Amino acid sequence: MVLCVPWFVRFITLDFAQAITLFPFVFLRQPSDKANQRLINHEQIHLRQQLELLVIPFYLLYFTEYLFHRMQGLGHYASYCAISFEQEAFKNEHQLNYLASRPLFAFARYWKRQL
C-alpha cells in the first residue's frame, strides 16, 4: 500500500529520502511520487526483500551494513549506497518487470562486493 505522508518520511529519514518502505507500506514524501514508476519499483523491491527476511531481520541487516560502512570511514550517502539491499534496488529500479523474474534472496549477490 502506497501512502503519501511527507512529515513521516522527513522525520524517519532525517529529511534524506523521497520514500521509505516499512512493510507492508511505502511512504512517499510527495503526492506526485505516486506516478514515479522507478521510485515505486525501487520501494517494491525493498518490500520483497523485507518479506523474504521476515521483516525484522531485514532491518537488522540493513542497519548493520550501514554501520559497518560508516565504521570503515564512508560518509552517510556512500554508506547508504553500499548497503546490499540498496544496491539491488538501485541496479534494478528501471526494470519494471524485475520482480517477476527476481530470484529469492537476490540481494545476497551484492554482499560479495563489500568484502
N, C-alpha and C. Protein backbone atom coordinates (compact mmCIF):
# COMPACT_ATOMS: atom_id res chain seq x y z
N MET A 1 0.84 -1.16 0.00
CA MET A 1 0.00 0.00 0.00
C MET A 1 0.89 1.24 0.00
N VAL A 2 0.64 2.15 -0.90
CA VAL A 2 1.43 3.37 -1.06
C VAL A 2 0.67 4.54 -0.42
N LEU A 3 1.35 5.22 0.50
CA LEU A 3 0.75 6.35 1.21
C LEU A 3 1.65 7.57 1.08
N CYS A 4 1.06 8.73 0.98
CA CYS A 4 1.83 9.97 0.96
C CYS A 4 1.72 10.62 2.33
N VAL A 5 2.84 10.58 3.07
CA VAL A 5 2.90 11.15 4.43
C VAL A 5 4.23 11.90 4.55
N PRO A 6 4.29 13.12 3.98
CA PRO A 6 5.55 13.86 3.92
C PRO A 6 6.27 14.03 5.26
N TRP A 7 5.56 14.40 6.30
CA TRP A 7 6.20 14.64 7.60
C TRP A 7 6.84 13.36 8.14
N PHE A 8 6.20 12.21 7.89
CA PHE A 8 6.72 10.93 8.37
C PHE A 8 8.02 10.57 7.66
N VAL A 9 8.04 10.74 6.35
CA VAL A 9 9.25 10.43 5.57
C VAL A 9 10.38 11.35 6.00
N ARG A 10 10.09 12.64 6.16
CA ARG A 10 11.13 13.58 6.60
C ARG A 10 11.66 13.22 7.99
N PHE A 11 10.75 12.86 8.90
CA PHE A 11 11.14 12.54 10.27
C PHE A 11 11.98 11.26 10.31
N ILE A 12 11.50 10.18 9.72
CA ILE A 12 12.18 8.89 9.78
C ILE A 12 13.52 8.91 9.05
N THR A 13 13.59 9.61 7.92
CA THR A 13 14.83 9.61 7.12
C THR A 13 15.70 10.84 7.40
N LEU A 14 15.32 11.63 8.39
CA LEU A 14 16.05 12.87 8.71
C LEU A 14 16.17 13.77 7.48
N ASP A 15 15.06 13.86 6.75
CA ASP A 15 14.95 14.72 5.58
C ASP A 15 15.87 14.29 4.43
N PHE A 16 16.16 12.98 4.36
CA PHE A 16 17.12 12.46 3.39
C PHE A 16 16.47 11.85 2.15
N ALA A 17 15.37 11.12 2.32
CA ALA A 17 14.85 10.28 1.24
C ALA A 17 13.51 10.77 0.70
N GLN A 18 13.20 10.32 -0.51
CA GLN A 18 11.91 10.59 -1.15
C GLN A 18 10.84 9.65 -0.64
N ALA A 19 11.27 8.47 -0.19
CA ALA A 19 10.32 7.45 0.24
C ALA A 19 11.00 6.52 1.23
N ILE A 20 10.17 5.80 1.97
CA ILE A 20 10.67 4.77 2.88
C ILE A 20 9.65 3.63 2.89
N THR A 21 10.17 2.43 2.93
CA THR A 21 9.31 1.25 2.94
C THR A 21 9.41 0.58 4.30
N LEU A 22 8.28 0.49 4.95
CA LEU A 22 8.15 -0.21 6.22
C LEU A 22 7.02 -1.20 6.04
N PHE A 23 7.38 -2.44 5.85
CA PHE A 23 6.43 -3.47 5.47
C PHE A 23 5.15 -3.37 6.29
N PRO A 24 4.00 -3.35 5.63
CA PRO A 24 3.70 -3.52 4.21
C PRO A 24 3.43 -2.20 3.48
N PHE A 25 3.94 -1.10 4.02
CA PHE A 25 3.62 0.21 3.45
C PHE A 25 4.83 0.85 2.77
N VAL A 26 4.54 1.63 1.73
CA VAL A 26 5.51 2.51 1.11
C VAL A 26 5.03 3.92 1.41
N PHE A 27 5.86 4.69 2.11
CA PHE A 27 5.52 6.06 2.45
C PHE A 27 6.27 7.00 1.51
N LEU A 28 5.55 7.90 0.89
CA LEU A 28 6.13 8.85 -0.06
C LEU A 28 6.16 10.24 0.54
N ARG A 29 7.11 11.01 0.06
CA ARG A 29 7.27 12.39 0.52
C ARG A 29 6.36 13.36 -0.23
N GLN A 30 6.09 13.06 -1.51
CA GLN A 30 5.29 13.96 -2.34
C GLN A 30 4.20 13.17 -3.06
N PRO A 31 3.00 13.74 -3.15
CA PRO A 31 1.92 13.05 -3.88
C PRO A 31 2.29 12.72 -5.32
N SER A 32 3.08 13.57 -5.96
CA SER A 32 3.47 13.33 -7.35
C SER A 32 4.33 12.09 -7.51
N ASP A 33 4.95 11.63 -6.42
CA ASP A 33 5.80 10.44 -6.48
C ASP A 33 5.01 9.17 -6.74
N LYS A 34 3.69 9.20 -6.55
CA LYS A 34 2.87 8.03 -6.85
C LYS A 34 2.97 7.66 -8.33
N ALA A 35 3.25 8.63 -9.18
CA ALA A 35 3.38 8.40 -10.62
C ALA A 35 4.81 8.05 -11.04
N ASN A 36 5.75 8.09 -10.10
CA ASN A 36 7.16 7.82 -10.39
C ASN A 36 7.38 6.30 -10.35
N GLN A 37 7.29 5.67 -11.50
CA GLN A 37 7.37 4.20 -11.58
C GLN A 37 8.72 3.67 -11.10
N ARG A 38 9.78 4.39 -11.39
CA ARG A 38 11.12 3.97 -10.95
C ARG A 38 11.17 3.94 -9.42
N LEU A 39 10.69 4.98 -8.78
CA LEU A 39 10.71 5.05 -7.32
C LEU A 39 9.82 3.96 -6.70
N ILE A 40 8.63 3.80 -7.24
CA ILE A 40 7.72 2.78 -6.72
C ILE A 40 8.33 1.39 -6.90
N ASN A 41 8.94 1.13 -8.04
CA ASN A 41 9.59 -0.17 -8.27
C ASN A 41 10.73 -0.38 -7.27
N HIS A 42 11.54 0.65 -7.04
CA HIS A 42 12.63 0.59 -6.07
C HIS A 42 12.07 0.17 -4.70
N GLU A 43 11.01 0.81 -4.29
CA GLU A 43 10.42 0.52 -2.98
C GLU A 43 9.76 -0.86 -2.95
N GLN A 44 9.20 -1.29 -4.06
CA GLN A 44 8.62 -2.64 -4.11
C GLN A 44 9.70 -3.72 -4.02
N ILE A 45 10.87 -3.43 -4.54
CA ILE A 45 12.00 -4.35 -4.38
C ILE A 45 12.31 -4.49 -2.89
N HIS A 46 12.29 -3.37 -2.17
CA HIS A 46 12.52 -3.43 -0.71
C HIS A 46 11.41 -4.22 -0.01
N LEU A 47 10.18 -4.08 -0.48
CA LEU A 47 9.09 -4.89 0.11
C LEU A 47 9.38 -6.38 -0.04
N ARG A 48 9.84 -6.78 -1.21
CA ARG A 48 10.16 -8.20 -1.45
C ARG A 48 11.31 -8.64 -0.54
N GLN A 49 12.33 -7.81 -0.42
CA GLN A 49 13.46 -8.13 0.45
C GLN A 49 12.99 -8.31 1.90
N GLN A 50 12.14 -7.39 2.34
CA GLN A 50 11.64 -7.46 3.71
C GLN A 50 10.82 -8.72 3.93
N LEU A 51 10.01 -9.06 2.97
CA LEU A 51 9.18 -10.26 3.06
C LEU A 51 10.05 -11.52 3.13
N GLU A 52 11.08 -11.58 2.30
CA GLU A 52 11.98 -12.74 2.29
C GLU A 52 12.66 -12.95 3.64
N LEU A 53 13.01 -11.85 4.29
CA LEU A 53 13.73 -11.94 5.56
C LEU A 53 12.80 -11.84 6.78
N LEU A 54 11.51 -11.91 6.53
CA LEU A 54 10.52 -11.85 7.61
C LEU A 54 10.59 -10.53 8.39
N VAL A 55 10.84 -9.47 7.69
CA VAL A 55 10.78 -8.06 8.10
C VAL A 55 11.86 -7.65 9.11
N ILE A 56 11.78 -8.10 10.35
CA ILE A 56 12.71 -7.62 11.38
C ILE A 56 14.17 -7.92 11.03
N PRO A 57 14.53 -9.13 10.60
CA PRO A 57 15.92 -9.36 10.21
C PRO A 57 16.38 -8.44 9.07
N PHE A 58 15.46 -8.06 8.18
CA PHE A 58 15.82 -7.11 7.12
C PHE A 58 16.36 -5.82 7.73
N TYR A 59 15.62 -5.27 8.68
CA TYR A 59 16.03 -4.00 9.29
C TYR A 59 17.33 -4.16 10.07
N LEU A 60 17.50 -5.28 10.75
CA LEU A 60 18.75 -5.51 11.49
C LEU A 60 19.94 -5.58 10.54
N LEU A 61 19.79 -6.31 9.44
CA LEU A 61 20.88 -6.39 8.45
C LEU A 61 21.12 -5.05 7.78
N TYR A 62 20.05 -4.35 7.45
CA TYR A 62 20.14 -3.06 6.78
C TYR A 62 20.99 -2.08 7.62
N PHE A 63 20.63 -1.95 8.90
CA PHE A 63 21.35 -1.01 9.75
C PHE A 63 22.74 -1.51 10.11
N THR A 64 22.93 -2.83 10.20
CA THR A 64 24.26 -3.37 10.45
C THR A 64 25.19 -3.06 9.29
N GLU A 65 24.70 -3.25 8.07
CA GLU A 65 25.52 -2.91 6.90
C GLU A 65 25.86 -1.42 6.88
N TYR A 66 24.86 -0.60 7.16
CA TYR A 66 25.10 0.85 7.17
C TYR A 66 26.18 1.21 8.19
N LEU A 67 26.06 0.69 9.40
CA LEU A 67 27.05 0.99 10.44
C LEU A 67 28.43 0.44 10.09
N PHE A 68 28.48 -0.74 9.48
CA PHE A 68 29.74 -1.32 9.04
C PHE A 68 30.46 -0.36 8.09
N HIS A 69 29.73 0.18 7.13
CA HIS A 69 30.34 1.09 6.17
C HIS A 69 30.73 2.42 6.81
N ARG A 70 29.93 2.87 7.75
CA ARG A 70 30.30 4.10 8.46
C ARG A 70 31.59 3.89 9.24
N MET A 71 31.73 2.74 9.88
CA MET A 71 32.93 2.45 10.66
C MET A 71 34.16 2.29 9.76
N GLN A 72 33.93 1.98 8.49
CA GLN A 72 35.03 1.91 7.53
C GLN A 72 35.42 3.29 7.03
N GLY A 73 34.72 4.30 7.46
CA GLY A 73 35.07 5.67 7.12
C GLY A 73 34.24 6.30 6.01
N LEU A 74 33.25 5.57 5.51
CA LEU A 74 32.40 6.16 4.47
C LEU A 74 31.44 7.17 5.09
N GLY A 75 31.06 8.16 4.30
CA GLY A 75 30.08 9.14 4.73
C GLY A 75 28.68 8.55 4.69
N HIS A 76 27.71 9.36 5.10
CA HIS A 76 26.32 8.90 5.17
C HIS A 76 25.81 8.39 3.83
N TYR A 77 25.93 9.19 2.79
CA TYR A 77 25.37 8.80 1.50
C TYR A 77 26.11 7.59 0.92
N ALA A 78 27.43 7.57 1.02
CA ALA A 78 28.20 6.43 0.49
C ALA A 78 27.86 5.15 1.26
N SER A 79 27.66 5.25 2.56
CA SER A 79 27.29 4.08 3.36
C SER A 79 25.91 3.58 2.97
N TYR A 80 24.99 4.48 2.74
CA TYR A 80 23.64 4.13 2.29
C TYR A 80 23.70 3.41 0.94
N CYS A 81 24.48 3.94 0.02
CA CYS A 81 24.60 3.33 -1.31
C CYS A 81 25.30 1.98 -1.28
N ALA A 82 26.11 1.73 -0.26
CA ALA A 82 26.85 0.48 -0.17
C ALA A 82 26.04 -0.66 0.43
N ILE A 83 24.86 -0.38 0.97
CA ILE A 83 24.01 -1.41 1.55
C ILE A 83 23.55 -2.34 0.44
N SER A 84 23.68 -3.64 0.64
CA SER A 84 23.35 -4.62 -0.41
C SER A 84 21.90 -4.48 -0.88
N PHE A 85 20.98 -4.21 0.03
CA PHE A 85 19.57 -4.05 -0.34
C PHE A 85 19.38 -2.85 -1.27
N GLU A 86 20.10 -1.78 -1.00
CA GLU A 86 20.02 -0.59 -1.85
C GLU A 86 20.69 -0.84 -3.19
N GLN A 87 21.80 -1.56 -3.20
CA GLN A 87 22.48 -1.84 -4.45
C GLN A 87 21.57 -2.61 -5.39
N GLU A 88 20.89 -3.63 -4.86
CA GLU A 88 19.97 -4.39 -5.71
C GLU A 88 18.84 -3.50 -6.21
N ALA A 89 18.26 -2.71 -5.32
CA ALA A 89 17.13 -1.86 -5.70
C ALA A 89 17.55 -0.80 -6.73
N PHE A 90 18.69 -0.15 -6.53
CA PHE A 90 19.15 0.86 -7.48
C PHE A 90 19.48 0.24 -8.84
N LYS A 91 20.12 -0.91 -8.82
CA LYS A 91 20.51 -1.54 -10.08
C LYS A 91 19.30 -1.95 -10.92
N ASN A 92 18.20 -2.30 -10.27
CA ASN A 92 17.06 -2.87 -10.97
C ASN A 92 15.80 -2.01 -10.97
N GLU A 93 15.88 -0.80 -10.44
CA GLU A 93 14.68 0.03 -10.33
C GLU A 93 14.10 0.44 -11.69
N HIS A 94 14.90 0.47 -12.72
CA HIS A 94 14.40 0.83 -14.05
C HIS A 94 13.78 -0.36 -14.79
N GLN A 95 14.01 -1.56 -14.31
CA GLN A 95 13.43 -2.77 -14.91
C GLN A 95 12.09 -3.03 -14.21
N LEU A 96 11.04 -2.51 -14.79
CA LEU A 96 9.74 -2.56 -14.13
C LEU A 96 9.18 -3.98 -14.00
N ASN A 97 9.73 -4.93 -14.73
CA ASN A 97 9.30 -6.33 -14.60
C ASN A 97 10.30 -7.17 -13.79
N TYR A 98 11.23 -6.52 -13.14
CA TYR A 98 12.28 -7.22 -12.40
C TYR A 98 11.74 -8.21 -11.36
N LEU A 99 10.74 -7.80 -10.60
CA LEU A 99 10.24 -8.66 -9.54
C LEU A 99 9.61 -9.94 -10.06
N ALA A 100 9.14 -9.94 -11.28
CA ALA A 100 8.52 -11.13 -11.86
C ALA A 100 9.53 -12.26 -12.05
N SER A 101 10.80 -11.90 -12.27
CA SER A 101 11.82 -12.93 -12.51
C SER A 101 12.94 -12.90 -11.47
N ARG A 102 12.79 -12.13 -10.45
CA ARG A 102 13.83 -11.98 -9.43
C ARG A 102 14.00 -13.27 -8.64
N PRO A 103 15.25 -13.77 -8.54
CA PRO A 103 15.49 -14.96 -7.72
C PRO A 103 15.34 -14.63 -6.23
N LEU A 104 15.03 -15.63 -5.44
CA LEU A 104 14.96 -15.44 -3.99
C LEU A 104 16.31 -14.96 -3.45
N PHE A 105 16.26 -14.07 -2.50
CA PHE A 105 17.46 -13.56 -1.82
C PHE A 105 18.49 -12.99 -2.79
N ALA A 106 18.02 -12.33 -3.82
CA ALA A 106 18.92 -11.76 -4.84
C ALA A 106 19.86 -10.71 -4.26
N PHE A 107 19.47 -10.07 -3.18
CA PHE A 107 20.32 -9.05 -2.55
C PHE A 107 21.65 -9.64 -2.08
N ALA A 108 21.68 -10.95 -1.79
CA ALA A 108 22.90 -11.59 -1.29
C ALA A 108 24.04 -11.53 -2.31
N ARG A 109 23.71 -11.41 -3.58
CA ARG A 109 24.75 -11.27 -4.61
C ARG A 109 25.61 -10.04 -4.38
N TYR A 110 25.07 -9.04 -3.71
CA TYR A 110 25.78 -7.78 -3.52
C TYR A 110 26.63 -7.78 -2.26
N TRP A 111 26.52 -8.79 -1.42
CA TRP A 111 27.36 -8.89 -0.24
C TRP A 111 28.80 -9.09 -0.62
N LYS A 112 29.07 -9.88 -1.66
CA LYS A 112 30.44 -10.17 -2.09
C LYS A 112 31.20 -8.90 -2.43
N ARG A 113 30.51 -7.94 -2.99
CA ARG A 113 31.16 -6.70 -3.43
C ARG A 113 31.66 -5.88 -2.25
N GLN A 114 31.16 -6.16 -1.06
CA GLN A 114 31.52 -5.36 0.10
C GLN A 114 32.74 -5.90 0.82
N LEU A 115 33.05 -7.17 0.63
CA LEU A 115 34.13 -7.78 1.41
C LEU A 115 35.47 -7.61 0.77
